[in-house]
Amino acid sequence: MGVHWVRAGFVKATLSRLCHASQPQHYPLFPFIQSKEHEMKSKTIVFIHGMYMNPLCWEKWVDYYQAKGYHCLAPAWPGRDQPVDTLRKRHPDPQLGKLTLSDVVDHITETIKALDDKPILIGHSMGALIVQLLLQRDLAAAGVAIDSAPPMGVITTRWSFLKSNWPHITPFVSQSSPIEMTFERFQYTFVNTLPLADQKAAYEKYVLPESRRVPRESLTARVDFKKPHPPLLLIAGSADNIIPASLNQTNYTKYKASPSTTDFKEFAGRTHFIIGQQGWEQVADYVLAWLNEKQV
């Protein structure tokens, strides 16, 4: 066995507690136990969550990929490393109202630069836009952008997109005022096809208030689509209301002028909660196959 800091039983017990905790976590808190041969082949994956979420939304993916030999980290956005109940009770939190997209990008950049090698980046929603921005800085071996928020110049007039995003980008409310995701809005924007019990479970475990400055800054987030970049896979869900699949398709098309590898995959019947709804393993397996194909 490789050199590690904790016993296997303790790791198993700890991960079990994490999967049932409401507090966002930084994965892994402990090194994954594996053979030296497997360790040499493993990669590092940094999972980046999106708006209104905490890093626990990646818990299934972290366990799944670690079991396949990857080192996984899921850093929380600044100020989001507290229990869900605690952060909800703080609403409206003046500190959250100051958070910008640049703050989040810089925070994730610091995490990446502390690593020995360039990681694979897998992001969801606003986290997926952050993946695109970080690939521009050549900070990753590859990137996977799932249900990506659009960079500047990528837009749609679909009603579901406008209805879902207007509450946090409206100019009629101060950008310093954080916004709370109600359960009814979460049902429409994230989990519109899921059973009620699954909707409630996801809401209680993952959903937090959000800064309005983050989405507003994303409206001017520039990506040089012609610039060479590490391999990039964009993934969309056909039932996604807040980020319609057609918007991700447009995002993908913008990269046609680049000489670098950019691929696109749409999953039928998947909502914006594609990373957590039933069948998430199919998405994770597709990503893994793509990474192997690109020899990343």
Protein backbone atom coordinates (compact mmCIF):
# COMPACT_ATOMS: atom_id res chain seq x y z
CA MET A 1 0.00 0.00 0.00
CA GLY A 2 1.09 3.56 -0.61
CA VAL A 3 2.13 5.93 2.14
CA HIS A 4 -0.99 7.49 3.65
CA TRP A 5 -2.04 9.19 6.86
CA VAL A 6 -5.08 7.31 8.08
CA ARG A 7 -6.46 3.81 8.32
CA ALA A 8 -8.94 2.52 5.77
CA GLY A 9 -11.66 2.02 8.40
CA PHE A 10 -11.36 5.61 9.51
CA VAL A 11 -11.61 6.85 5.92
CA LYS A 12 -14.73 4.78 5.32
CA ALA A 13 -16.37 6.02 8.52
CA THR A 14 -15.43 9.63 7.76
CA LEU A 15 -16.79 9.56 4.21
CA SER A 16 -19.99 7.99 5.52
CA ARG A 17 -20.45 10.94 7.86
CA LEU A 18 -19.75 13.41 5.06
CA CYS A 19 -22.46 11.89 2.88
CA HIS A 20 -25.03 12.47 5.62
CA ALA A 21 -23.85 15.87 6.82
CA SER A 22 -25.38 19.20 5.88
CA GLN A 23 -22.02 20.97 6.14
CA PRO A 24 -20.16 21.62 2.87
CA GLN A 25 -16.86 19.78 2.71
CA HIS A 26 -13.49 20.03 1.03
CA TYR A 27 -12.66 16.68 -0.61
CA PRO A 28 -10.55 14.80 0.13
CA LEU A 29 -9.80 15.57 3.76
CA PHE A 30 -7.66 12.43 3.75
CA PRO A 31 -5.61 10.74 1.01
CA PHE A 32 -7.28 7.90 -0.83
CA ILE A 33 -5.79 4.51 -0.04
CA GLN A 34 -4.55 2.68 -3.13
CA SER A 35 -1.66 0.62 -4.42
CA LYS A 36 1.57 2.29 -5.54
CA GLU A 37 0.98 1.06 -9.10
CA HIS A 38 -2.51 2.58 -9.17
CA GLU A 39 -1.24 5.74 -7.53
CA MET A 40 1.21 6.34 -10.37
CA LYS A 41 -1.64 6.28 -12.91
CA SER A 42 -4.07 8.42 -10.97
CA LYS A 43 -4.99 12.01 -11.80
CA THR A 44 -6.27 14.89 -9.75
CA ILE A 45 -9.77 16.22 -10.36
CA VAL A 46 -11.01 19.53 -9.01
CA PHE A 47 -14.81 19.71 -8.91
CA ILE A 48 -16.27 23.24 -9.01
CA HIS A 49 -19.83 23.77 -7.81
CA GLY A 50 -22.14 26.47 -9.09
CA MET A 51 -24.45 29.15 -7.74
CA TYR A 52 -26.83 28.45 -4.85
CA MET A 53 -24.93 25.23 -4.12
CA ASN A 54 -22.31 23.88 -1.74
CA PRO A 55 -19.57 21.35 -2.60
CA LEU A 56 -21.56 18.44 -1.19
CA CYS A 57 -23.44 18.43 -4.50
CA TRP A 58 -20.37 16.55 -5.83
CA GLU A 59 -20.31 13.92 -3.08
CA LYS A 60 -21.43 11.04 -5.33
CA TRP A 61 -18.96 11.97 -8.05
CA VAL A 62 -16.10 12.27 -5.55
CA ASP A 63 -16.71 8.77 -4.17
CA TYR A 64 -17.22 7.35 -7.66
CA TYR A 65 -14.05 8.80 -9.13
CA GLN A 66 -11.90 8.12 -6.09
CA ALA A 67 -12.89 4.47 -6.35
CA LYS A 68 -11.49 4.56 -9.88
CA GLY A 69 -8.13 5.91 -8.72
CA TYR A 70 -8.51 9.68 -8.99
CA HIS A 71 -7.56 12.18 -6.30
CA CYS A 72 -10.59 14.45 -5.91
CA LEU A 73 -11.06 17.88 -4.42
CA ALA A 74 -14.29 19.87 -4.23
CA PRO A 75 -13.41 23.29 -2.81
CA ALA A 76 -16.15 25.47 -1.41
CA TRP A 77 -16.59 28.98 -2.75
CA PRO A 78 -15.38 31.69 -0.34
CA GLY A 79 -17.58 31.75 2.77
CA ARG A 80 -19.43 28.60 1.78
CA ASP A 81 -17.64 26.19 4.09
CA GLN A 82 -20.37 26.36 6.72
CA PRO A 83 -23.47 24.21 7.36
CA VAL A 84 -26.48 24.90 5.17
CA ASP A 85 -28.64 25.90 8.14
CA THR A 86 -26.01 28.36 9.36
CA LEU A 87 -25.70 30.11 6.00
CA ARG A 88 -29.45 30.26 5.51
CA LYS A 89 -29.95 31.87 8.92
CA ARG A 90 -27.46 34.59 7.99
CA HIS A 91 -29.56 35.72 5.04
CA PRO A 92 -29.27 38.48 4.03
CA ASP A 93 -25.54 38.28 4.77
CA PRO A 94 -23.67 41.52 3.88
CA GLN A 95 -20.44 39.57 3.34
CA LEU A 96 -22.12 37.30 0.81
CA GLY A 97 -23.41 40.39 -0.95
CA LYS A 98 -19.80 41.42 -1.64
CA LEU A 99 -18.79 38.14 -3.31
CA THR A 100 -17.89 38.46 -6.99
CA LEU A 101 -17.18 35.97 -9.75
CA SER A 102 -13.57 37.17 -9.76
CA ASP A 103 -13.32 36.31 -6.05
CA VAL A 104 -14.45 32.76 -6.78
CA VAL A 105 -12.14 32.35 -9.78
CA ASP A 106 -9.17 33.61 -7.76
CA HIS A 107 -10.03 31.24 -4.91
CA ILE A 108 -10.17 28.21 -7.21
CA THR A 109 -6.97 29.36 -8.91
CA GLU A 110 -5.15 29.33 -5.56
CA THR A 111 -6.36 25.77 -4.95
CA ILE A 112 -5.09 24.65 -8.36
CA LYS A 113 -1.70 26.36 -8.04
CA ALA A 114 -1.10 24.56 -4.73
CA LEU A 115 -1.23 21.20 -6.55
CA ASP A 116 1.84 19.41 -7.92
CA ASP A 117 0.37 18.94 -11.41
CA LYS A 118 -2.32 20.45 -13.56
CA PRO A 119 -5.66 18.86 -12.62
CA ILE A 120 -8.72 17.94 -14.60
CA LEU A 121 -11.46 20.48 -13.92
CA ILE A 122 -15.11 19.45 -13.77
CA GLY A 123 -17.60 22.23 -13.15
CA HIS A 124 -21.36 22.60 -13.01
CA SER A 125 -23.37 25.68 -13.99
CA MET A 126 -21.43 28.78 -12.91
CA GLY A 127 -18.67 26.35 -11.91
CA ALA A 128 -18.61 25.20 -15.54
CA LEU A 129 -18.12 28.78 -16.73
CA ILE A 130 -15.24 29.00 -14.26
CA VAL A 131 -13.78 25.89 -15.92
CA GLN A 132 -13.87 27.68 -19.28
CA LEU A 133 -12.20 30.75 -17.79
CA LEU A 134 -9.45 28.71 -16.13
CA LEU A 135 -8.70 26.79 -19.32
CA GLN A 136 -7.96 30.19 -20.86
CA ARG A 137 -5.20 30.54 -18.25
CA ASP A 138 -3.77 27.09 -19.05
CA LEU A 139 -4.29 25.92 -15.47
CA ALA A 140 -5.71 22.48 -16.27
CA ALA A 141 -4.97 19.29 -18.18
CA ALA A 142 -8.58 19.20 -19.42
CA GLY A 143 -11.96 20.64 -18.59
CA VAL A 144 -15.55 19.38 -18.40
CA ALA A 145 -18.26 22.05 -18.36
CA ILE A 146 -21.66 20.66 -17.32
CA ASP A 147 -24.73 22.86 -17.90
CA SER A 148 -22.38 25.81 -18.21
CA ALA A 149 -23.47 29.36 -17.49
CA PRO A 150 -22.79 31.30 -20.68
CA PRO A 151 -19.74 33.49 -21.20
CA MET A 152 -20.12 36.92 -22.75
CA GLY A 153 -21.55 36.75 -26.26
CA VAL A 154 -23.49 33.52 -25.70
CA ILE A 155 -27.16 34.26 -25.17
CA THR A 156 -30.68 32.92 -25.69
CA THR A 157 -34.15 34.44 -25.53
CA ARG A 158 -35.84 31.20 -24.42
CA TRP A 159 -38.47 31.93 -21.79
CA SER A 160 -37.22 29.33 -19.31
CA PHE A 161 -33.76 30.93 -19.35
CA LEU A 162 -35.11 34.44 -18.85
CA LYS A 163 -37.55 33.38 -16.14
CA SER A 164 -34.92 31.41 -14.24
CA ASN A 165 -32.16 34.02 -14.36
CA TRP A 166 -34.04 37.30 -14.11
CA PRO A 167 -34.38 37.23 -10.29
CA HIS A 168 -30.59 37.42 -9.76
CA ILE A 169 -29.66 39.72 -12.65
CA THR A 170 -32.53 42.22 -12.43
CA PRO A 171 -31.17 45.81 -12.30
CA PHE A 172 -34.05 46.84 -10.05
CA VAL A 173 -32.47 45.30 -6.93
CA SER A 174 -29.14 46.35 -5.42
CA GLN A 175 -26.33 43.98 -6.35
CA SER A 176 -25.21 44.15 -2.72
CA SER A 177 -28.40 42.40 -1.65
CA PRO A 178 -28.00 38.57 -1.61
CA ILE A 179 -30.78 36.49 -3.10
CA GLU A 180 -32.46 33.47 -1.55
CA MET A 181 -33.44 30.47 -3.67
CA THR A 182 -37.00 29.55 -2.68
CA PHE A 183 -38.09 25.93 -2.95
CA GLU A 184 -40.62 26.82 -5.65
CA ARG A 185 -37.95 28.51 -7.76
CA PHE A 186 -35.57 25.60 -7.19
CA GLN A 187 -38.24 23.22 -8.42
CA TYR A 188 -38.49 25.13 -11.71
CA THR A 189 -34.86 25.96 -12.31
CA PHE A 190 -32.98 22.88 -11.07
CA VAL A 191 -35.20 19.83 -10.54
CA ASN A 192 -38.26 20.32 -12.73
CA THR A 193 -38.77 16.64 -13.67
CA LEU A 194 -37.74 15.00 -10.38
CA PRO A 195 -40.19 13.41 -7.88
CA LEU A 196 -41.23 15.75 -5.07
CA ALA A 197 -39.33 13.76 -2.44
CA ASP A 198 -36.09 14.05 -4.44
CA GLN A 199 -36.67 17.77 -4.98
CA LYS A 200 -37.08 18.36 -1.24
CA ALA A 201 -34.05 16.25 -0.33
CA ALA A 202 -31.78 18.12 -2.74
CA TYR A 203 -33.07 21.50 -1.59
CA GLU A 204 -32.49 20.81 2.09
CA LYS A 205 -29.02 19.38 1.61
CA TYR A 206 -27.42 21.64 -0.98
CA VAL A 207 -29.21 24.96 -1.54
CA LEU A 208 -27.89 28.25 -0.14
CA PRO A 209 -28.44 32.00 -0.61
CA GLU A 210 -26.36 33.58 -3.36
CA SER A 211 -24.59 36.81 -4.25
CA ARG A 212 -26.10 38.84 -7.09
CA ARG A 213 -22.64 40.09 -8.03
CA VAL A 214 -21.55 36.67 -9.27
CA PRO A 215 -24.14 36.28 -12.07
CA ARG A 216 -23.99 39.94 -12.97
CA GLU A 217 -20.23 39.78 -13.46
CA SER A 218 -20.64 36.62 -15.54
CA LEU A 219 -22.47 38.71 -18.15
CA THR A 220 -19.11 40.27 -19.04
CA ALA A 221 -16.95 37.16 -18.55
CA ARG A 222 -14.84 36.98 -21.70
CA VAL A 223 -13.61 33.80 -23.35
CA ASP A 224 -11.29 33.96 -26.37
CA PHE A 225 -12.90 31.16 -28.36
CA LYS A 226 -10.11 31.17 -30.96
CA LYS A 227 -7.36 30.65 -28.41
CA PRO A 228 -5.77 27.18 -28.13
CA HIS A 229 -6.88 25.44 -24.94
CA PRO A 230 -6.69 22.03 -23.22
CA PRO A 231 -9.37 19.49 -24.24
CA LEU A 232 -12.85 20.70 -23.30
CA LEU A 233 -16.12 18.76 -23.07
CA LEU A 234 -19.41 20.63 -22.76
CA ILE A 235 -22.40 18.67 -21.44
CA ALA A 236 -26.06 19.70 -21.50
CA GLY A 237 -29.38 18.32 -20.28
CA SER A 238 -32.39 18.45 -22.60
CA ALA A 239 -34.79 19.26 -19.74
CA ASP A 240 -32.68 22.03 -18.21
CA ASN A 241 -34.71 25.21 -17.68
CA ILE A 242 -32.13 27.64 -16.32
CA ILE A 243 -29.40 26.71 -18.86
CA PRO A 244 -31.19 25.28 -21.93
CA ALA A 245 -29.27 22.69 -23.94
CA SER A 246 -29.46 24.96 -26.99
CA LEU A 247 -27.47 27.58 -25.07
CA ASN A 248 -24.71 25.06 -24.33
CA GLN A 249 -24.80 24.08 -28.01
CA THR A 250 -24.25 27.72 -28.96
CA ASN A 251 -21.39 27.91 -26.46
CA TYR A 252 -19.83 24.83 -28.08
CA THR A 253 -20.21 26.25 -31.60
CA LYS A 254 -18.27 29.36 -30.59
CA TYR A 255 -15.16 27.19 -30.17
CA LYS A 256 -15.22 26.03 -33.79
CA ALA A 257 -12.55 28.60 -34.66
CA SER A 258 -10.14 27.11 -32.12
CA PRO A 259 -7.60 24.48 -33.22
CA SER A 260 -8.08 22.68 -29.89
CA THR A 261 -10.34 19.76 -29.01
CA THR A 262 -13.84 20.80 -27.97
CA ASP A 263 -16.67 18.27 -27.74
CA PHE A 264 -20.37 18.41 -26.91
CA LYS A 265 -22.82 15.89 -25.45
CA GLU A 266 -26.50 16.34 -24.67
CA PHE A 267 -28.24 13.94 -22.27
CA ALA A 268 -31.93 13.41 -22.90
CA GLY A 269 -34.34 14.09 -20.04
CA ARG A 270 -31.73 15.58 -17.72
CA THR A 271 -32.45 18.70 -15.67
CA HIS A 272 -30.04 21.28 -14.33
CA PHE A 273 -29.47 18.89 -11.44
CA ILE A 274 -27.88 16.44 -13.89
CA ILE A 275 -25.02 15.78 -11.47
CA GLY A 276 -27.34 14.51 -8.74
CA GLN A 277 -30.53 13.19 -10.29
CA GLN A 278 -31.13 9.51 -11.00
CA GLY A 279 -28.77 8.31 -13.73
CA TRP A 280 -25.89 10.63 -12.81
CA GLU A 281 -23.55 7.63 -13.15
CA GLN A 282 -24.15 7.59 -16.92
CA VAL A 283 -22.91 11.15 -17.12
CA ALA A 284 -19.90 10.40 -14.90
CA ASP A 285 -19.04 7.34 -17.00
CA TYR A 286 -19.30 9.35 -20.22
CA VAL A 287 -16.88 11.92 -18.79
CA LEU A 288 -14.49 9.17 -17.72
CA ALA A 289 -14.60 7.56 -21.19
CA TRP A 290 -13.95 10.95 -22.78
CA LEU A 291 -10.97 11.58 -20.52
CA ASN A 292 -9.54 8.17 -21.39
CA GLU A 293 -10.12 8.78 -25.10
CA LYS A 294 -8.25 12.08 -24.89
CA GLN A 295 -5.55 10.34 -22.82
CA VAL A 296 -5.78 12.97 -20.12
